[in-house]
């Protein structure tokens, strides 16, 4: 990848604070800015966040949620059954 230099104007104290924070993470300001610019689309922001948090993320559409939602029409479920379903759902998220 070919790199290009850019010029931006930012308050000096903001740059110094950012460099200190990034130094603790062993990252450079250039790396951070490049990653931020690359992450301008929503899907890239989500992907970067998942990588940063080291979690497995997949995009689930509203249709997927509806399709996977259990049919509870006309069923009176006991409180324990509802807790069990919530537990299963939580285990899939973690």
N, C-alpha and C. Protein backbone atom coordinates (compact mmCIF):
# COMPACT_ATOMS: atom_id res chain seq x y z
N UNK A 1 0.84 -1.17 0.00
CA UNK A 1 0.00 0.00 0.00
C UNK A 1 0.89 1.24 0.00
N UNK A 2 0.58 2.15 -0.86
CA UNK A 2 1.32 3.40 -0.96
C UNK A 2 0.78 4.37 0.07
N UNK A 3 1.67 4.97 0.82
CA UNK A 3 1.29 5.93 1.86
C UNK A 3 1.34 7.34 1.30
N UNK A 4 0.45 8.20 1.78
CA UNK A 4 0.44 9.62 1.41
C UNK A 4 0.46 10.44 2.68
N UNK A 5 1.16 11.57 2.62
CA UNK A 5 1.18 12.49 3.76
C UNK A 5 0.02 13.45 3.62
N UNK A 6 -0.58 13.77 4.78
CA UNK A 6 -1.66 14.76 4.79
C UNK A 6 -1.32 15.81 5.84
N UNK A 7 -1.94 16.96 5.72
CA UNK A 7 -1.75 18.01 6.71
C UNK A 7 -3.09 18.32 7.33
N UNK A 8 -3.14 18.27 8.65
CA UNK A 8 -4.36 18.62 9.38
C UNK A 8 -3.97 19.57 10.50
N UNK A 9 -4.92 20.37 10.93
CA UNK A 9 -4.69 21.30 12.03
C UNK A 9 -5.49 20.83 13.23
N UNK A 10 -4.76 20.51 14.31
CA UNK A 10 -5.39 20.02 15.53
C UNK A 10 -4.69 20.71 16.70
N UNK A 11 -5.46 21.03 17.73
CA UNK A 11 -4.90 21.65 18.92
C UNK A 11 -3.74 20.82 19.45
N UNK A 12 -2.63 21.46 19.78
CA UNK A 12 -1.41 20.76 20.20
C UNK A 12 -1.65 19.87 21.41
N UNK A 13 -2.43 20.34 22.39
CA UNK A 13 -2.66 19.52 23.59
C UNK A 13 -3.46 18.25 23.25
N UNK A 14 -4.34 18.36 22.27
CA UNK A 14 -5.11 17.17 21.84
C UNK A 14 -4.16 16.13 21.26
N UNK A 15 -3.23 16.57 20.44
CA UNK A 15 -2.26 15.66 19.83
C UNK A 15 -1.38 15.02 20.91
N UNK A 16 -0.90 15.82 21.84
CA UNK A 16 -0.04 15.28 22.90
C UNK A 16 -0.77 14.25 23.75
N UNK A 17 -2.03 14.55 24.12
CA UNK A 17 -2.82 13.59 24.91
C UNK A 17 -3.09 12.31 24.13
N UNK A 18 -3.37 12.47 22.85
CA UNK A 18 -3.63 11.30 22.01
C UNK A 18 -2.38 10.43 21.88
N UNK A 19 -1.24 11.06 21.67
CA UNK A 19 0.01 10.30 21.55
C UNK A 19 0.32 9.54 22.85
N UNK A 20 0.09 10.17 24.00
CA UNK A 20 0.33 9.49 25.27
C UNK A 20 -0.60 8.29 25.44
N UNK A 21 -1.87 8.49 25.11
CA UNK A 21 -2.84 7.38 25.23
C UNK A 21 -2.48 6.25 24.28
N UNK A 22 -2.07 6.58 23.07
CA UNK A 22 -1.73 5.55 22.09
C UNK A 22 -0.40 4.88 22.43
N UNK A 23 0.52 5.60 23.05
CA UNK A 23 1.80 5.02 23.46
C UNK A 23 1.57 3.87 24.43
N UNK A 24 0.60 4.04 25.33
CA UNK A 24 0.27 2.98 26.29
C UNK A 24 -0.26 1.73 25.59
N UNK A 25 -0.86 1.93 24.41
CA UNK A 25 -1.39 0.80 23.64
C UNK A 25 -0.41 0.33 22.56
N UNK A 26 0.78 0.94 22.57
CA UNK A 26 1.83 0.63 21.58
C UNK A 26 1.34 0.84 20.14
N UNK A 27 0.66 1.97 19.95
CA UNK A 27 0.16 2.34 18.63
C UNK A 27 0.65 3.74 18.30
N UNK A 28 0.70 4.04 17.02
CA UNK A 28 1.12 5.38 16.61
C UNK A 28 -0.10 6.21 16.25
N UNK A 29 0.08 7.51 16.27
CA UNK A 29 -0.99 8.41 15.88
C UNK A 29 -1.35 8.20 14.41
N UNK A 30 -0.36 7.99 13.58
CA UNK A 30 -0.62 7.74 12.16
C UNK A 30 -1.46 6.48 11.97
N UNK A 31 -1.12 5.43 12.70
CA UNK A 31 -1.87 4.18 12.63
C UNK A 31 -3.31 4.40 13.06
N UNK A 32 -3.49 5.14 14.14
CA UNK A 32 -4.83 5.40 14.66
C UNK A 32 -5.66 6.23 13.67
N UNK A 33 -5.06 7.26 13.11
CA UNK A 33 -5.77 8.11 12.15
C UNK A 33 -6.13 7.30 10.91
N UNK A 34 -5.20 6.49 10.41
CA UNK A 34 -5.48 5.68 9.24
C UNK A 34 -6.63 4.71 9.50
N UNK A 35 -6.58 4.07 10.67
CA UNK A 35 -7.65 3.13 11.01
C UNK A 35 -8.98 3.85 11.15
N UNK A 36 -8.97 5.05 11.71
CA UNK A 36 -10.19 5.83 11.85
C UNK A 36 -10.76 6.23 10.49
N UNK A 37 -9.90 6.66 9.59
CA UNK A 37 -10.36 7.03 8.25
C UNK A 37 -10.91 5.82 7.50
N UNK A 38 -10.27 4.68 7.70
CA UNK A 38 -10.72 3.45 7.05
C UNK A 38 -12.08 3.02 7.61
N UNK A 39 -12.34 3.38 8.84
CA UNK A 39 -13.56 2.94 9.52
C UNK A 39 -14.73 3.89 9.34
N UNK A 40 -14.76 4.62 8.28
CA UNK A 40 -15.85 5.57 8.07
C UNK A 40 -17.18 4.89 7.73
N UNK A 41 -17.12 3.67 7.25
CA UNK A 41 -18.38 2.97 6.99
C UNK A 41 -18.79 2.19 8.23
N UNK A 42 -20.07 2.03 8.43
CA UNK A 42 -20.60 1.39 9.63
C UNK A 42 -20.08 -0.02 9.80
N UNK A 43 -20.07 -0.81 8.74
CA UNK A 43 -19.62 -2.20 8.87
C UNK A 43 -18.16 -2.27 9.28
N UNK A 44 -17.34 -1.37 8.77
CA UNK A 44 -15.93 -1.37 9.14
C UNK A 44 -15.75 -0.93 10.59
N UNK A 45 -16.57 0.00 11.06
CA UNK A 45 -16.50 0.43 12.46
C UNK A 45 -16.83 -0.76 13.36
N UNK A 46 -17.87 -1.49 13.02
CA UNK A 46 -18.28 -2.65 13.82
C UNK A 46 -17.19 -3.71 13.79
N UNK A 47 -16.64 -3.99 12.63
CA UNK A 47 -15.57 -4.99 12.51
C UNK A 47 -14.36 -4.59 13.33
N UNK A 48 -13.95 -3.33 13.23
CA UNK A 48 -12.80 -2.84 14.00
C UNK A 48 -13.06 -2.93 15.50
N UNK A 49 -14.26 -2.56 15.92
CA UNK A 49 -14.61 -2.63 17.33
C UNK A 49 -14.57 -4.07 17.83
N UNK A 50 -15.11 -5.00 17.05
CA UNK A 50 -15.09 -6.41 17.44
C UNK A 50 -13.66 -6.92 17.55
N UNK A 51 -12.81 -6.54 16.60
CA UNK A 51 -11.41 -6.95 16.67
C UNK A 51 -10.73 -6.35 17.89
N UNK A 52 -11.00 -5.08 18.14
CA UNK A 52 -10.39 -4.39 19.28
C UNK A 52 -10.80 -5.03 20.61
N UNK A 53 -12.07 -5.47 20.69
CA UNK A 53 -12.58 -6.10 21.91
C UNK A 53 -12.35 -7.61 21.92
N UNK A 54 -11.79 -8.13 20.83
CA UNK A 54 -11.51 -9.57 20.69
C UNK A 54 -12.77 -10.41 20.90
N UNK A 55 -13.84 -10.02 20.19
CA UNK A 55 -15.08 -10.79 20.24
C UNK A 55 -15.50 -11.17 18.84
N UNK A 56 -16.23 -12.27 18.74
CA UNK A 56 -16.73 -12.74 17.46
C UNK A 56 -18.05 -12.04 17.18
N UNK A 57 -18.08 -11.22 16.16
CA UNK A 57 -19.28 -10.47 15.82
C UNK A 57 -19.76 -10.87 14.43
N UNK A 58 -21.05 -10.99 14.33
CA UNK A 58 -21.62 -11.17 13.01
C UNK A 58 -22.84 -10.28 12.94
N UNK A 59 -23.06 -9.72 11.78
CA UNK A 59 -24.19 -8.81 11.60
C UNK A 59 -25.47 -9.62 11.47
N UNK A 60 -26.45 -9.31 12.30
CA UNK A 60 -27.73 -10.01 12.27
C UNK A 60 -28.80 -9.03 11.84
N UNK A 61 -29.49 -9.35 10.78
CA UNK A 61 -30.54 -8.47 10.27
C UNK A 61 -31.81 -8.65 11.08
N UNK A 62 -32.71 -7.71 10.94
CA UNK A 62 -34.01 -7.80 11.59
C UNK A 62 -34.76 -9.05 11.14
N UNK A 63 -34.57 -9.42 9.87
CA UNK A 63 -35.22 -10.64 9.35
C UNK A 63 -34.69 -11.87 10.07
N UNK A 64 -33.38 -11.92 10.32
CA UNK A 64 -32.80 -13.05 11.05
C UNK A 64 -33.36 -13.15 12.46
N UNK A 65 -33.52 -12.00 13.10
CA UNK A 65 -34.07 -11.98 14.46
C UNK A 65 -35.48 -12.54 14.45
N UNK A 66 -36.31 -12.07 13.52
CA UNK A 66 -37.69 -12.54 13.42
C UNK A 66 -37.74 -14.04 13.12
N UNK A 67 -36.90 -14.49 12.21
CA UNK A 67 -36.89 -15.90 11.80
C UNK A 67 -36.47 -16.81 12.96
N UNK A 68 -35.55 -16.36 13.79
CA UNK A 68 -35.03 -17.19 14.88
C UNK A 68 -35.80 -17.03 16.19
N UNK A 69 -36.74 -16.10 16.22
CA UNK A 69 -37.52 -15.87 17.44
C UNK A 69 -38.50 -17.03 17.62
N UNK A 70 -38.58 -17.61 18.81
CA UNK A 70 -39.51 -18.72 19.04
C UNK A 70 -40.96 -18.25 18.95
N UNK A 71 -41.82 -19.13 18.47
CA UNK A 71 -43.24 -18.82 18.36
C UNK A 71 -43.90 -19.06 19.71
N UNK A 72 -44.27 -18.00 20.38
CA UNK A 72 -44.88 -18.11 21.70
C UNK A 72 -46.37 -17.79 21.66
N UNK A 73 -46.92 -17.72 20.46
CA UNK A 73 -48.32 -17.37 20.32
C UNK A 73 -49.20 -18.39 21.03
N UNK A 74 -50.03 -17.91 21.94
CA UNK A 74 -51.00 -18.76 22.62
C UNK A 74 -50.41 -19.67 23.68
N UNK A 75 -49.12 -19.53 23.98
CA UNK A 75 -48.49 -20.41 24.97
C UNK A 75 -48.26 -19.63 26.26
N UNK A 76 -48.66 -20.21 27.35
CA UNK A 76 -48.38 -19.62 28.66
C UNK A 76 -47.17 -20.35 29.22
N UNK A 77 -46.03 -19.69 29.21
CA UNK A 77 -44.80 -20.34 29.66
C UNK A 77 -44.55 -20.03 31.13
N UNK A 78 -44.05 -21.02 31.80
CA UNK A 78 -43.69 -20.84 33.21
C UNK A 78 -42.46 -19.93 33.29
N UNK A 79 -42.31 -19.29 34.42
CA UNK A 79 -41.20 -18.36 34.62
C UNK A 79 -39.86 -19.05 34.43
N UNK A 80 -39.74 -20.31 34.86
CA UNK A 80 -38.48 -21.05 34.70
C UNK A 80 -38.15 -21.27 33.23
N UNK A 81 -39.16 -21.54 32.41
CA UNK A 81 -38.93 -21.74 30.98
C UNK A 81 -38.43 -20.45 30.33
N UNK A 82 -39.00 -19.34 30.75
CA UNK A 82 -38.57 -18.04 30.22
C UNK A 82 -37.13 -17.75 30.63
N UNK A 83 -36.78 -18.03 31.88
CA UNK A 83 -35.40 -17.83 32.34
C UNK A 83 -34.44 -18.71 31.55
N UNK A 84 -34.86 -19.95 31.26
CA UNK A 84 -34.02 -20.87 30.49
C UNK A 84 -33.79 -20.34 29.08
N UNK A 85 -34.84 -19.82 28.45
CA UNK A 85 -34.69 -19.25 27.10
C UNK A 85 -33.76 -18.05 27.12
N UNK A 86 -33.90 -17.20 28.14
CA UNK A 86 -33.02 -16.03 28.24
C UNK A 86 -31.58 -16.46 28.47
N UNK A 87 -31.39 -17.50 29.26
CA UNK A 87 -30.04 -18.03 29.49
C UNK A 87 -29.40 -18.54 28.21
N UNK A 88 -30.19 -19.25 27.40
CA UNK A 88 -29.69 -19.74 26.12
C UNK A 88 -29.30 -18.58 25.21
N UNK A 89 -30.16 -17.58 25.17
CA UNK A 89 -29.90 -16.41 24.34
C UNK A 89 -28.61 -15.71 24.79
N UNK A 90 -28.45 -15.59 26.11
CA UNK A 90 -27.25 -14.93 26.64
C UNK A 90 -26.00 -15.72 26.32
N UNK A 91 -26.09 -17.05 26.34
CA UNK A 91 -24.91 -17.87 26.04
C UNK A 91 -24.49 -17.73 24.60
N UNK A 92 -25.44 -17.47 23.71
CA UNK A 92 -25.12 -17.26 22.29
C UNK A 92 -24.44 -15.92 22.07
N UNK A 93 -24.73 -14.96 22.93
CA UNK A 93 -24.15 -13.63 22.78
C UNK A 93 -22.75 -13.53 23.35
N UNK A 94 -22.40 -14.43 24.27
CA UNK A 94 -21.08 -14.34 24.90
C UNK A 94 -20.07 -15.21 24.24
